[in-house]
Amino acid sequence: MTYFFRDVVAVIKATLLDLERKHLHLAAAGLAYYLLLSFLPALVLITAVVTYLPVRNGVEVAISFLRHLVPQLNQVGTPVIEQMLSTVSSHRGGLLSFGLIGTLWLTSKGVKGIIAGLDMVYEVERPRRVWTNGVLAFGLAFGVGLLLILGTALTLAGPALESFLSEFIPVRSVWIRVWPYVQWSLTALFTFAAIEMLYILAPNVPLKERVTIPGALLAAAIWLALSRGISLFVLYFGWTKLDKFYGAMATPIALAIWLNWGALGMLTGAEINLNIQSLRSERP
């Protein structure tokens, strides 16, 4: 147990030093910019695909699933986003033809920023070629989107499962209490899976003996905690005060802060993975 705590302290110290030495705070700010460009196209793409699923109220359920990933900016931010996503179904044909390629390309810009940030964490001397990074970013954007769509699809199956079980046992009262936790667990699971996939495939370093899971767990926890924390801050502090102070810029600033901290959490998780890997390699 003593060795374990000593290793934990060593990893934390090394991570804090590397955050400053590699200027990962600046990298997180740049990554947040790319993520902000990709944020709305990614939401539109996911919602457009969900509208094709053979279920009722697909867009509403998709928004309910994404609420765990996106802060609830009351009175201004969330109603605007929900209104935009709710109107996607009337234009889904265009979004899933030529618009699909354009939306994926915009979304891949954020993934390309993640690739560059993880290369900085691992101090990659020779990054991939530009076209290779572009193709990889496109593929990873598609993979992350597929995971989120799968999570949304499982969320859509909740009411059908409740209806099926209610024919045999009286589960409705229990289901109402349990289902929000199940939905949050699905969101957490697929968030972790998406970050783990990025940690495995994005940096241009060999996968052999590379640690990925601890940092992915931490990054997913940070991402979900930020979404919940900012939502609670807006709820109790009041969006009106922020709106009076920042005006029309309140929503973009809130989103930028959330994405900046989330990007820093993702880079910090990768740095923790690297330091755990270095600690293991130093031992016989």
Protein backbone atom coordinates (compact mmCIF):
# COMPACT_ATOMS: atom_id res chain seq x y z
CA MET A 1 0.00 0.00 0.00
CA THR A 2 2.90 2.35 0.78
CA TYR A 3 4.37 1.74 -2.67
CA PHE A 4 1.00 2.45 -4.26
CA PHE A 5 0.59 5.86 -2.63
CA ARG A 6 4.20 6.70 -3.40
CA ASP A 7 3.59 5.89 -7.07
CA VAL A 8 0.40 7.96 -7.09
CA VAL A 9 2.25 10.97 -5.68
CA ALA A 10 5.07 10.51 -8.18
CA VAL A 11 2.63 10.36 -11.11
CA ILE A 12 0.76 13.48 -9.91
CA LYS A 13 4.01 15.44 -9.48
CA ALA A 14 5.32 14.40 -12.88
CA THR A 15 1.98 15.26 -14.52
CA LEU A 16 1.86 18.75 -13.01
CA LEU A 17 5.44 19.44 -14.08
CA ASP A 18 4.80 18.17 -17.61
CA LEU A 19 1.67 20.29 -17.95
CA GLU A 20 3.86 23.37 -17.52
CA ARG A 21 6.92 22.10 -19.38
CA LYS A 22 4.95 21.07 -22.48
CA HIS A 23 2.66 24.14 -22.32
CA LEU A 24 -0.42 21.93 -22.39
CA HIS A 25 -2.59 24.78 -21.09
CA LEU A 26 -1.96 26.59 -24.37
CA ALA A 27 -2.52 23.37 -26.30
CA ALA A 28 -5.87 22.93 -24.50
CA ALA A 29 -6.90 26.47 -25.48
CA GLY A 30 -6.12 25.76 -29.14
CA LEU A 31 -7.89 22.41 -28.94
CA ALA A 32 -10.95 24.10 -27.41
CA TYR A 33 -11.11 26.37 -30.47
CA TYR A 34 -11.22 23.39 -32.82
CA LEU A 35 -13.76 21.63 -30.62
CA LEU A 36 -15.95 24.73 -30.62
CA LEU A 37 -15.92 24.72 -34.43
CA SER A 38 -16.90 21.04 -34.43
CA PHE A 39 -19.43 21.16 -31.61
CA LEU A 40 -22.62 22.22 -33.37
CA PRO A 41 -21.95 20.25 -36.60
CA ALA A 42 -21.44 17.11 -34.50
CA LEU A 43 -24.71 17.64 -32.62
CA VAL A 44 -26.57 18.30 -35.87
CA LEU A 45 -25.11 15.17 -37.46
CA ILE A 46 -26.01 12.91 -34.54
CA THR A 47 -29.54 14.27 -34.37
CA ALA A 48 -29.99 13.98 -38.15
CA VAL A 49 -29.07 10.30 -38.02
CA VAL A 50 -31.35 9.68 -35.02
CA THR A 51 -34.34 11.02 -36.96
CA TYR A 52 -34.04 8.02 -39.29
CA LEU A 53 -34.41 5.50 -36.47
CA PRO A 54 -37.86 3.85 -36.42
CA VAL A 55 -38.90 5.28 -33.05
CA ARG A 56 -41.10 8.08 -31.79
CA ASN A 57 -39.66 11.25 -30.30
CA GLY A 58 -36.15 10.33 -31.43
CA VAL A 59 -34.88 13.91 -31.37
CA GLU A 60 -36.21 14.51 -27.85
CA VAL A 61 -34.53 11.35 -26.57
CA ALA A 62 -31.28 12.29 -28.32
CA ILE A 63 -31.36 15.68 -26.60
CA SER A 64 -32.04 13.93 -23.28
CA PHE A 65 -28.98 11.72 -23.84
CA LEU A 66 -26.76 14.64 -24.84
CA ARG A 67 -27.78 16.65 -21.77
CA HIS A 68 -25.31 14.57 -19.76
CA LEU A 69 -22.48 15.62 -22.11
CA VAL A 70 -23.39 19.26 -22.68
CA PRO A 71 -23.88 21.89 -19.94
CA GLN A 72 -27.42 23.14 -19.53
CA LEU A 73 -27.21 26.86 -20.27
CA ASN A 74 -30.63 27.95 -19.04
CA GLN A 75 -32.75 30.59 -20.74
CA VAL A 76 -30.29 31.20 -23.57
CA GLY A 77 -27.94 28.39 -24.55
CA THR A 78 -29.93 25.21 -24.21
CA PRO A 79 -33.21 26.42 -25.76
CA VAL A 80 -31.28 27.69 -28.78
CA ILE A 81 -29.46 24.37 -29.24
CA GLU A 82 -32.60 22.31 -28.68
CA GLN A 83 -34.59 24.44 -31.09
CA MET A 84 -31.91 24.00 -33.74
CA LEU A 85 -31.73 20.24 -33.24
CA SER A 86 -35.50 19.90 -33.20
CA THR A 87 -35.70 21.45 -36.68
CA VAL A 88 -33.12 19.06 -38.15
CA SER A 89 -35.70 16.39 -38.94
CA SER A 90 -37.32 18.58 -41.61
CA HIS A 91 -33.98 18.89 -43.43
CA ARG A 92 -32.56 15.45 -42.81
CA GLY A 93 -32.39 14.54 -46.50
CA GLY A 94 -29.88 17.29 -47.25
CA LEU A 95 -27.91 16.64 -44.09
CA LEU A 96 -27.43 12.96 -44.88
CA SER A 97 -26.35 13.39 -48.52
CA PHE A 98 -23.75 15.98 -49.46
CA GLY A 99 -24.26 17.65 -46.08
CA LEU A 100 -23.03 14.51 -44.33
CA ILE A 101 -19.58 14.84 -45.86
CA GLY A 102 -19.34 18.53 -45.02
CA THR A 103 -20.53 18.01 -41.45
CA LEU A 104 -18.12 15.13 -40.91
CA TRP A 105 -15.30 17.26 -42.31
CA LEU A 106 -16.10 20.08 -39.86
CA THR A 107 -16.33 17.59 -37.01
CA SER A 108 -12.99 16.04 -37.99
CA LYS A 109 -11.31 19.41 -37.40
CA GLY A 110 -11.83 18.93 -33.67
CA VAL A 111 -10.42 15.40 -33.86
CA LYS A 112 -7.43 16.71 -35.79
CA GLY A 113 -6.80 19.12 -32.93
CA ILE A 114 -6.97 16.18 -30.49
CA ILE A 115 -4.37 14.31 -32.58
CA ALA A 116 -2.04 17.33 -32.47
CA GLY A 117 -2.56 17.75 -28.71
CA LEU A 118 -1.83 14.08 -27.96
CA ASP A 119 1.29 14.25 -30.17
CA MET A 120 2.44 17.13 -27.94
CA VAL A 121 1.81 15.03 -24.83
CA TYR A 122 3.88 12.15 -26.19
CA GLU A 123 6.49 14.57 -27.62
CA VAL A 124 6.24 13.06 -31.09
CA GLU A 125 9.22 14.20 -33.14
CA ARG A 126 7.83 13.22 -36.54
CA PRO A 127 4.04 13.62 -36.85
CA ARG A 128 2.13 11.79 -39.55
CA ARG A 129 1.79 13.27 -43.00
CA VAL A 130 -0.90 15.90 -43.44
CA TRP A 131 -3.13 13.74 -45.61
CA THR A 132 -2.70 10.76 -43.27
CA ASN A 133 -3.74 12.86 -40.29
CA GLY A 134 -6.71 14.15 -42.27
CA VAL A 135 -7.92 10.66 -43.15
CA LEU A 136 -7.37 9.44 -39.57
CA ALA A 137 -9.23 12.44 -38.14
CA PHE A 138 -12.12 11.79 -40.52
CA GLY A 139 -12.27 8.13 -39.49
CA LEU A 140 -12.02 8.90 -35.76
CA ALA A 141 -14.77 11.53 -36.06
CA PHE A 142 -16.94 8.91 -37.70
CA GLY A 143 -16.08 6.37 -34.97
CA VAL A 144 -16.80 8.77 -32.09
CA GLY A 145 -20.07 9.80 -33.73
CA LEU A 146 -21.01 6.15 -34.17
CA LEU A 147 -20.43 5.50 -30.46
CA LEU A 148 -22.61 8.44 -29.47
CA ILE A 149 -25.33 7.36 -31.89
CA LEU A 150 -25.17 3.84 -30.44
CA GLY A 151 -25.52 5.27 -26.94
CA THR A 152 -28.50 7.31 -28.08
CA ALA A 153 -30.03 4.23 -29.71
CA LEU A 154 -29.72 2.28 -26.46
CA THR A 155 -31.37 5.19 -24.68
CA LEU A 156 -34.21 5.02 -27.20
CA ALA A 157 -34.68 1.36 -26.29
CA GLY A 158 -35.48 2.29 -22.68
CA PRO A 159 -39.22 3.00 -23.08
CA ALA A 160 -39.66 -0.15 -25.19
CA LEU A 161 -37.93 -2.23 -22.51
CA GLU A 162 -40.10 -0.67 -19.80
CA SER A 163 -43.24 -1.44 -21.80
CA PHE A 164 -42.11 -5.04 -22.32
CA LEU A 165 -41.31 -5.64 -18.65
CA SER A 166 -44.52 -4.00 -17.46
CA GLU A 167 -46.51 -6.85 -19.01
CA PHE A 168 -44.98 -9.29 -16.53
CA ILE A 169 -44.11 -7.29 -13.42
CA PRO A 170 -45.17 -3.86 -12.10
CA VAL A 171 -41.94 -2.05 -12.86
CA ARG A 172 -43.19 1.38 -13.80
CA SER A 173 -42.66 3.05 -10.42
CA VAL A 174 -39.23 1.47 -10.04
CA TRP A 175 -38.32 2.20 -13.65
CA ILE A 176 -39.06 5.91 -13.28
CA ARG A 177 -36.56 6.13 -10.43
CA VAL A 178 -33.90 3.87 -11.95
CA TRP A 179 -33.94 4.96 -15.59
CA PRO A 180 -32.13 8.35 -15.14
CA TYR A 181 -29.20 6.50 -13.52
CA VAL A 182 -29.17 3.92 -16.32
CA GLN A 183 -29.15 6.70 -18.89
CA TRP A 184 -26.29 8.49 -17.12
CA SER A 185 -24.34 5.20 -16.93
CA LEU A 186 -24.77 4.70 -20.68
CA THR A 187 -23.50 8.21 -21.32
CA ALA A 188 -20.49 7.65 -19.05
CA LEU A 189 -19.71 4.30 -20.69
CA PHE A 190 -19.78 5.63 -24.25
CA THR A 191 -17.87 8.78 -23.27
CA PHE A 192 -15.13 6.59 -21.83
CA ALA A 193 -15.16 4.38 -24.96
CA ALA A 194 -14.81 7.41 -27.25
CA ILE A 195 -11.88 8.86 -25.27
CA GLU A 196 -10.21 5.44 -25.03
CA MET A 197 -10.45 5.06 -28.81
CA LEU A 198 -8.81 8.46 -29.26
CA TYR A 199 -6.04 7.60 -26.81
CA ILE A 200 -5.33 4.35 -28.65
CA LEU A 201 -5.42 5.57 -32.25
CA ALA A 202 -4.73 9.31 -32.28
CA PRO A 203 -1.09 9.78 -31.10
CA ASN A 204 1.64 8.77 -33.53
CA VAL A 205 3.39 6.39 -31.12
CA PRO A 206 3.46 2.57 -30.98
CA LEU A 207 0.62 1.03 -29.02
CA LYS A 208 2.81 -1.71 -27.51
CA GLU A 209 3.08 -1.38 -23.71
CA ARG A 210 1.20 1.93 -23.83
CA VAL A 211 -1.16 2.68 -20.91
CA THR A 212 -4.54 4.18 -21.88
CA ILE A 213 -7.31 3.15 -19.48
CA PRO A 214 -6.50 5.17 -16.30
CA GLY A 215 -6.30 8.47 -18.17
CA ALA A 216 -9.44 7.69 -20.18
CA LEU A 217 -11.37 7.04 -16.97
CA LEU A 218 -10.15 10.33 -15.50
CA ALA A 219 -10.85 12.31 -18.70
CA ALA A 220 -14.38 10.90 -18.98
CA ALA A 221 -15.05 11.71 -15.32
CA ILE A 222 -13.74 15.27 -15.79
CA TRP A 223 -15.87 15.77 -18.90
CA LEU A 224 -19.08 14.61 -17.22
CA ALA A 225 -18.30 16.47 -14.00
CA LEU A 226 -17.69 19.70 -15.93
CA SER A 227 -20.99 19.38 -17.75
CA ARG A 228 -22.85 18.79 -14.51
CA GLY A 229 -20.89 21.40 -12.57
CA ILE A 230 -21.41 24.19 -15.10
CA SER A 231 -25.11 23.31 -15.29
CA LEU A 232 -25.43 23.60 -11.50
CA PHE A 233 -23.44 26.84 -11.49
CA VAL A 234 -25.76 28.39 -14.06
CA LEU A 235 -28.81 27.05 -12.20
CA TYR A 236 -27.88 28.48 -8.80
CA PHE A 237 -25.76 31.48 -9.78
CA GLY A 238 -28.27 32.50 -12.42
CA TRP A 239 -27.89 32.94 -16.14
CA THR A 240 -29.37 36.44 -15.92
CA LYS A 241 -26.25 37.80 -14.20
CA LEU A 242 -23.98 36.27 -16.84
CA ASP A 243 -26.21 37.56 -19.61
CA LYS A 244 -26.17 41.10 -18.19
CA PHE A 245 -22.38 41.05 -17.88
CA TYR A 246 -21.45 39.42 -21.20
CA GLY A 247 -24.55 40.07 -23.26
CA ALA A 248 -24.78 38.10 -26.51
CA MET A 249 -21.33 36.61 -25.84
CA ALA A 250 -22.46 34.76 -22.69
CA THR A 251 -23.27 31.48 -24.46
CA PRO A 252 -20.07 31.29 -26.60
CA ILE A 253 -17.94 32.19 -23.57
CA ALA A 254 -19.60 29.52 -21.41
CA LEU A 255 -19.13 26.90 -24.14
CA ALA A 256 -15.51 27.96 -24.69
CA ILE A 257 -14.72 27.66 -20.97
CA TRP A 258 -16.35 24.22 -20.82
CA LEU A 259 -14.48 22.98 -23.89
CA ASN A 260 -11.19 24.48 -22.67
CA TRP A 261 -11.38 22.69 -19.33
CA GLY A 262 -12.59 19.51 -21.00
CA ALA A 263 -9.68 19.62 -23.48
CA LEU A 264 -7.25 20.18 -20.61
CA GLY A 265 -8.77 17.19 -18.81
CA MET A 266 -8.28 15.04 -21.90
CA LEU A 267 -4.63 16.09 -22.28
CA THR A 268 -4.08 15.61 -18.53
CA GLY A 269 -5.46 12.07 -18.76
CA ALA A 270 -3.04 11.31 -21.60
CA GLU A 271 -0.18 12.77 -19.56
CA ILE A 272 -1.11 10.56 -16.60
CA ASN A 273 -1.08 7.54 -18.92
CA LEU A 274 2.39 8.50 -20.13
CA ASN A 275 3.75 8.93 -16.61
CA ILE A 276 2.30 5.60 -15.46
CA GLN A 277 3.91 4.00 -18.49
CA SER A 278 7.26 5.63 -17.67
CA LEU A 279 7.02 4.51 -14.05
CA ARG A 280 6.39 0.93 -15.11
CA SER A 281 9.27 0.94 -17.59
CA GLU A 282 11.71 2.09 -14.90
CA ARG A 283 11.04 -0.99 -12.79
CA PRO A 284 12.78 -4.31 -13.49
